Amino acid sequence: MEAIPSDNKATTTPDGGFNFLTPEAWKALLSGYSHIVLVANSEAVDIERLRSELPETALYVFFNKVYKVLDEPFVGHSMLVARSDVMGAHIVHRREAADVLRFFGGDFLGVVNIRVSVEENLSEKSRFEGAKARHLDLTQMLADLYPIGKIATSGFAVALWLADLQLPGKILLAGFSAKRSEKWKVFDVHDWTFEQIFLRLFARMGSISMMGGVDASPYSALAKRFPEVPPIEIAMTAAEVLSERLDNTNSQIDRLMSVTKFIRAVDNFFRRFKPKTRKQRFLEKSKG
């Protein structure tokens, strides 16, 4: 499945450090799979259930620190998306590539190093511990789409990219809940609300499928219970209730900010003595 037709060859930089494919080459590479499953690093993911419900012709796409969802090497068709920041791929500059790649075996398509904003830099293919590496620049696709001041998550960006390829196989999102848990946090740099709205609309259009997402929506029951009420009225009523609840939540947040003012002042004081991270030192060096 990995062979690429000769008329759809990869394009590379002069020094051969990067491996970009044309959209046609990506489509040729991925069209042989019945399902392309994007597996989020979330507690909502059940790998065993996915494997039991989907055929062996499914391709599983994992992201970055796969040990969050895998306890042992994955058996099946797989691919790893490695997100970049200003220093390159996260798993490379954090020296985690070897730890992550040990979870993949013979049916591994390789690493796809992506960037979604102009501040992010790709890592050369030689930095991925000998694994086959490809590169994907999604900055233009997201430039006029994503909310200003926020950065898209890897899963959201890859889901949109795959949908645009118009592959014959089904695109399935697993564990895309955007919910914080005790084990894993959600980062404020992403617009989780926008992404969930976008993905659920995409799912309702049939472009993708979401496990436990759209089909489990409680608001679909309202439309069945009140068939005489236009959908826009149901949406406006739901928005009214949610707005009131958000206002109440903001009031409680204001109280918490006031109560924790002293604690935050102490925390900020001691943070000044914290050693700089490798990323901070890299940014200072690059500016100098």
Foldseek 3Di string as FASTA:
>chain_A
DLDFDPVFAWDADPVRQATATDLVRVLVRPQQAQEEEEEELAPQFDVVVVPVVDDLSYEYEYEDQCVSPDPAADDGAYEYEFEWALVATPCQVVVNLVVRVRSYDDNYSWYEYEYQAPNTDHGGQVSNVPTGYHYDYNPVVCVPPFDPQATADPSLSVLVVVLVSVHNHAYEYTRLPQDQDPVHGHDPSHDSVVSLVVVLVCVVVVSHYYVCRNVVDPLVVVCVVCVVDDPVVSVVVVVVVVVVVVVVVVVVVVVVCVVCVVVVVVVVVVVVVDDDDPVVVVVVVVVD
